[in-house]
C-alpha atoms as a PDB file:
ATOM      1  CA  MET A   1      71.433 116.128  68.360  1.00  0.00           C
ATOM      2  CA  ALA A   2      74.520 114.381  66.983  1.00  0.00           C
ATOM      3  CA  ASN A   3      77.987 115.512  67.992  1.00  0.00           C
ATOM      4  CA  SER A   4      80.194 117.091  65.373  1.00  0.00           C
ATOM      5  CA  PRO A   5      83.312 115.106  64.368  1.00  0.00           C
ATOM      6  CA  GLN A   6      85.519 117.786  65.962  1.00  0.00           C
ATOM      7  CA  LEU A   7      83.613 117.588  69.261  1.00  0.00           C
ATOM      8  CA  GLU A   8      83.899 113.778  69.206  1.00  0.00           C
ATOM      9  CA  ILE A   9      87.652 113.998  68.638  1.00  0.00           C
ATOM     10  CA  THR A  10      87.961 116.499  71.513  1.00  0.00           C
ATOM     11  CA  GLN A  11      86.012 114.175  73.820  1.00  0.00           C
ATOM     12  CA  VAL A  12      88.156 111.199  72.817  1.00  0.00           C
ATOM     13  CA  SER A  13      91.251 113.344  73.331  1.00  0.00           C
ATOM     14  CA  ILE A  14      90.183 114.150  76.908  1.00  0.00           C
ATOM     15  CA  ILE A  15      89.577 110.469  77.669  1.00  0.00           C
ATOM     16  CA  SER A  16      92.901 109.578  76.031  1.00  0.00           C
ATOM     17  CA  ARG A  17      94.740 111.992  78.309  1.00  0.00           C
ATOM     18  CA  PHE A  18      93.387 110.229  81.386  1.00  0.00           C
ATOM     19  CA  ASN A  19      94.245 106.787  80.016  1.00  0.00           C
ATOM     20  CA  TYR A  20      97.695 108.100  79.079  1.00  0.00           C
ATOM     21  CA  HIS A  21      98.308 108.849  82.784  1.00  0.00           C
ATOM     22  CA  ILE A  22      97.063 105.392  83.785  1.00  0.00           C
ATOM     23  CA  HIS A  23      99.475 103.919  81.224  1.00  0.00           C
ATOM     24  CA  THR A  24     102.508 106.016  82.192  1.00  0.00           C
ATOM     25  CA  ASP A  25     101.888 105.403  85.887  1.00  0.00           C
ATOM     26  CA  ALA A  26     101.993 101.632  85.294  1.00  0.00           C
ATOM     27  CA  ILE A  27     105.259 102.066  83.367  1.00  0.00           C
ATOM     28  CA  LYS A  28     106.707 104.189  86.180  1.00  0.00           C
ATOM     29  CA  GLU A  29     105.649 101.728  88.894  1.00  0.00           C
ATOM     30  CA  HIS A  30     106.684  98.497  87.171  1.00  0.00           C
ATOM     31  CA  LEU A  31     109.208  99.115  84.398  1.00  0.00           C
ATOM     32  CA  VAL A  32     111.361 102.114  85.338  1.00  0.00           C
ATOM     33  CA  PRO A  33     114.032 101.485  87.987  1.00  0.00           C
ATOM     34  CA  GLU A  34     114.250 104.344  90.507  1.00  0.00           C
ATOM     35  CA  GLU A  35     117.966 104.847  89.974  1.00  0.00           C
ATOM     36  CA  ILE A  36     117.753 105.259  86.188  1.00  0.00           C
ATOM     37  CA  ASP A  37     118.770 108.586  84.633  1.00  0.00           C
ATOM     38  CA  PRO A  38     116.210 110.788  82.832  1.00  0.00           C
ATOM     39  CA  TYR A  39     117.489 109.943  79.331  1.00  0.00           C
ATOM     40  CA  HIS A  40     117.102 106.191  79.783  1.00  0.00           C
ATOM     41  CA  ARG A  41     113.794 106.700  81.583  1.00  0.00           C
ATOM     42  CA  SER A  42     112.479 108.530  78.508  1.00  0.00           C
ATOM     43  CA  LEU A  43     113.620 105.627  76.311  1.00  0.00           C
ATOM     44  CA  ILE A  44     111.530 103.199  78.377  1.00  0.00           C
ATOM     45  CA  TYR A  45     108.439 105.396  78.019  1.00  0.00           C
ATOM     46  CA  ALA A  46     109.040 105.813  74.261  1.00  0.00           C
ATOM     47  CA  ASN A  47     109.525 102.070  73.866  1.00  0.00           C
ATOM     48  CA  GLU A  48     106.199 101.408  75.586  1.00  0.00           C
ATOM     49  CA  ALA A  49     104.470 104.021  73.415  1.00  0.00           C
ATOM     50  CA  ASP A  50     105.868 102.174  70.407  1.00  0.00           C
ATOM     51  CA  VAL A  51     104.379  98.904  71.680  1.00  0.00           C
ATOM     52  CA  LEU A  52     100.987 100.585  71.247  1.00  0.00           C
ATOM     53  CA  ASN A  53     101.988 102.172  67.930  1.00  0.00           C
ATOM     54  CA  VAL A  54     103.104  98.853  66.457  1.00  0.00           C
ATOM     55  CA  ALA A  55     100.045  97.026  67.794  1.00  0.00           C
ATOM     56  CA  LEU A  56      97.648  99.559  66.260  1.00  0.00           C
ATOM     57  CA  PHE A  57      99.439 101.237  63.351  1.00  0.00           C
ATOM     58  CA  GLY A  58     101.940  98.536  62.448  1.00  0.00           C
ATOM     59  CA  MET A  59     104.961 100.812  62.886  1.00  0.00           C
ATOM     60  CA  THR A  60     106.983 102.708  65.460  1.00  0.00           C
ATOM     61  CA  ALA A  61     106.906 106.501  65.761  1.00  0.00           C
ATOM     62  CA  LYS A  62     110.335 106.704  64.084  1.00  0.00           C
ATOM     63  CA  GLU A  63     109.259 104.471  61.204  1.00  0.00           C
ATOM     64  CA  TRP A  64     106.245 106.735  60.660  1.00  0.00           C
ATOM     65  CA  ARG A  65     108.377 109.910  60.764  1.00  0.00           C
ATOM     66  CA  ASP A  66     110.825 108.378  58.283  1.00  0.00           C
ATOM     67  CA  ALA A  67     107.930 107.470  55.950  1.00  0.00           C
ATOM     68  CA  HIS A  68     106.271 110.913  56.331  1.00  0.00           C
ATOM     69  CA  PRO A  69     109.089 113.481  56.520  1.00  0.00           C
ATOM     70  CA  GLU A  70     106.820 116.244  55.208  1.00  0.00           C
ATOM     71  CA  ASP A  71     104.214 115.775  57.955  1.00  0.00           C
ATOM     72  CA  LYS A  72     104.426 117.678  61.232  1.00  0.00           C
ATOM     73  CA  GLY A  73     103.648 116.047  64.568  1.00  0.00           C
ATOM     74  CA  ASN A  74     103.460 112.315  65.084  1.00  0.00           C
ATOM     75  CA  ILE A  75     101.541 109.257  63.970  1.00  0.00           C
ATOM     76  CA  ARG A  76      98.833 109.799  66.580  1.00  0.00           C
ATOM     77  CA  ASP A  77      98.131 113.323  65.290  1.00  0.00           C
ATOM     78  CA  TYR A  78      96.966 111.730  62.015  1.00  0.00           C
ATOM     79  CA  ALA A  79      94.866 108.966  63.588  1.00  0.00           C
ATOM     80  CA  THR A  80      91.176 108.569  62.862  1.00  0.00           C
ATOM     81  CA  ILE A  81      88.629 108.870  65.656  1.00  0.00           C
ATOM     82  CA  ASN A  82      88.271 105.072  65.629  1.00  0.00           C
ATOM     83  CA  GLN A  83      92.028 104.654  65.976  1.00  0.00           C
ATOM     84  CA  LEU A  84      92.068 107.148  68.865  1.00  0.00           C
ATOM     85  CA  ILE A  85      89.279 105.254  70.634  1.00  0.00           C
ATOM     86  CA  CYS A  86      91.150 101.985  70.140  1.00  0.00           C
ATOM     87  CA  LEU A  87      94.446 103.552  71.269  1.00  0.00           C
ATOM     88  CA  SER A  88      92.816 104.874  74.420  1.00  0.00           C
ATOM     89  CA  ASN A  89      91.449 101.407  75.189  1.00  0.00           C
ATOM     90  CA  MET A  90      94.848  99.857  74.511  1.00  0.00           C
ATOM     91  CA  GLU A  91      96.617 102.248  76.904  1.00  0.00           C
ATOM     92  CA  ASN A  92      94.289 101.112  79.630  1.00  0.00           C
ATOM     93  CA  LEU A  93      94.728  97.424  78.782  1.00  0.00           C
ATOM     94  CA  ASN A  94      98.507  97.700  78.496  1.00  0.00           C
ATOM     95  CA  ALA A  95      98.573  99.257  81.977  1.00  0.00           C
ATOM     96  CA  VAL A  96      96.698  96.198  83.286  1.00  0.00           C
ATOM     97  CA  PHE A  97      99.085  93.845  81.443  1.00  0.00           C
ATOM     98  CA  ILE A  98     102.093  95.717  82.864  1.00  0.00           C
ATOM     99  CA  HIS A  99     100.664  95.402  86.394  1.00  0.00           C
ATOM    100  CA  GLU A 100     100.260  91.663  85.719  1.00  0.00           C
ATOM    101  CA  GLU A 101     103.964  91.561  84.716  1.00  0.00           C
ATOM    102  CA  MET A 102     103.166  90.199  81.261  1.00  0.00           C
ATOM    103  CA  PRO A 103     106.313  90.226  79.076  1.00  0.00           C
ATOM    104  CA  GLN A 104     106.452  92.959  76.445  1.00  0.00           C
ATOM    105  CA  GLY A 105     106.390  90.585  73.479  1.00  0.00           C
ATOM    106  CA  GLU A 106     103.285  88.879  74.810  1.00  0.00           C
ATOM    107  CA  ARG A 107     101.654  92.250  75.494  1.00  0.00           C
ATOM    108  CA  LEU A 108     102.387  93.381  71.926  1.00  0.00           C
ATOM    109  CA  GLN A 109     100.852  90.244  70.465  1.00  0.00           C
ATOM    110  CA  LYS A 110      97.762  90.481  72.655  1.00  0.00           C
ATOM    111  CA  LEU A 111      97.335  94.233  72.012  1.00  0.00           C
ATOM    112  CA  ASN A 112      97.614  93.673  68.267  1.00  0.00           C
ATOM    113  CA  GLN A 113      94.846  91.063  68.378  1.00  0.00           C
ATOM    114  CA  ILE A 114      92.707  93.434  70.447  1.00  0.00           C
ATOM    115  CA  ALA A 115      93.393  96.325  68.059  1.00  0.00           C
ATOM    116  CA  ILE A 116      92.312  94.244  65.063  1.00  0.00           C
ATOM    117  CA  GLN A 117      89.136  93.145  66.837  1.00  0.00           C
ATOM    118  CA  GLN A 118      88.246  96.631  68.097  1.00  0.00           C
ATOM    119  CA  MET A 119      88.983  98.367  64.796  1.00  0.00           C
ATOM    120  CA  THR A 120      86.770  95.831  63.006  1.00  0.00           C
ATOM    121  CA  VAL A 121      83.909  96.576  65.402  1.00  0.00           C
ATOM    122  CA  LEU A 122      84.411 100.344  65.234  1.00  0.00           C
ATOM    123  CA  GLU A 123      84.631 100.367  61.434  1.00  0.00           C
ATOM    124  CA  ASN A 124      81.467  98.227  61.199  1.00  0.00           C
ATOM    125  CA  VAL A 125      79.617 100.647  63.473  1.00  0.00           C
ATOM    126  CA  GLU A 126      80.832 103.550  61.338  1.00  0.00           C
ATOM    127  CA  SER A 127      79.746 101.907  58.075  1.00  0.00           C
ATOM    128  CA  LYS A 128      76.286 101.144  59.541  1.00  0.00           C
ATOM    129  CA  LYS A 129      75.906 104.836  60.442  1.00  0.00           C
ATOM    130  CA  ILE A 130      76.842 105.846  56.888  1.00  0.00           C
ATOM    131  CA  LEU A 131      74.381 103.353  55.387  1.00  0.00           C
ATOM    132  CA  LYS A 132      71.549 104.703  57.563  1.00  0.00           C
ATOM    133  CA  ALA A 133      72.287 108.346  56.678  1.00  0.00           C
END
């Protein structure tokens, strides 16, 4: 029996939460100095979240909010299931890249290429399902 779209999104959301912790732990271990104050620490985390946002969505969280002032929540709340799957994968990969001490600009470029490749695959899989139905 096929999963409902809502169940699939819930499952992806659970996986995303785990990858989110893998991602934030890498940021904490490698990018946040111990002596930094909470405000500046939060800026580092937000900046890294925006690396993923730009790589996948082509814009930062602030750019999305500015373009969608009537929408509640954030850019990720409006993502498709395919985008959420890709985002979850990218969090995991970015954590690996951070551990490898890859510079942010290089990580962004690499993550963008990966996002394009993964979204192409995921969209092709989705269109094949629709054609078979």
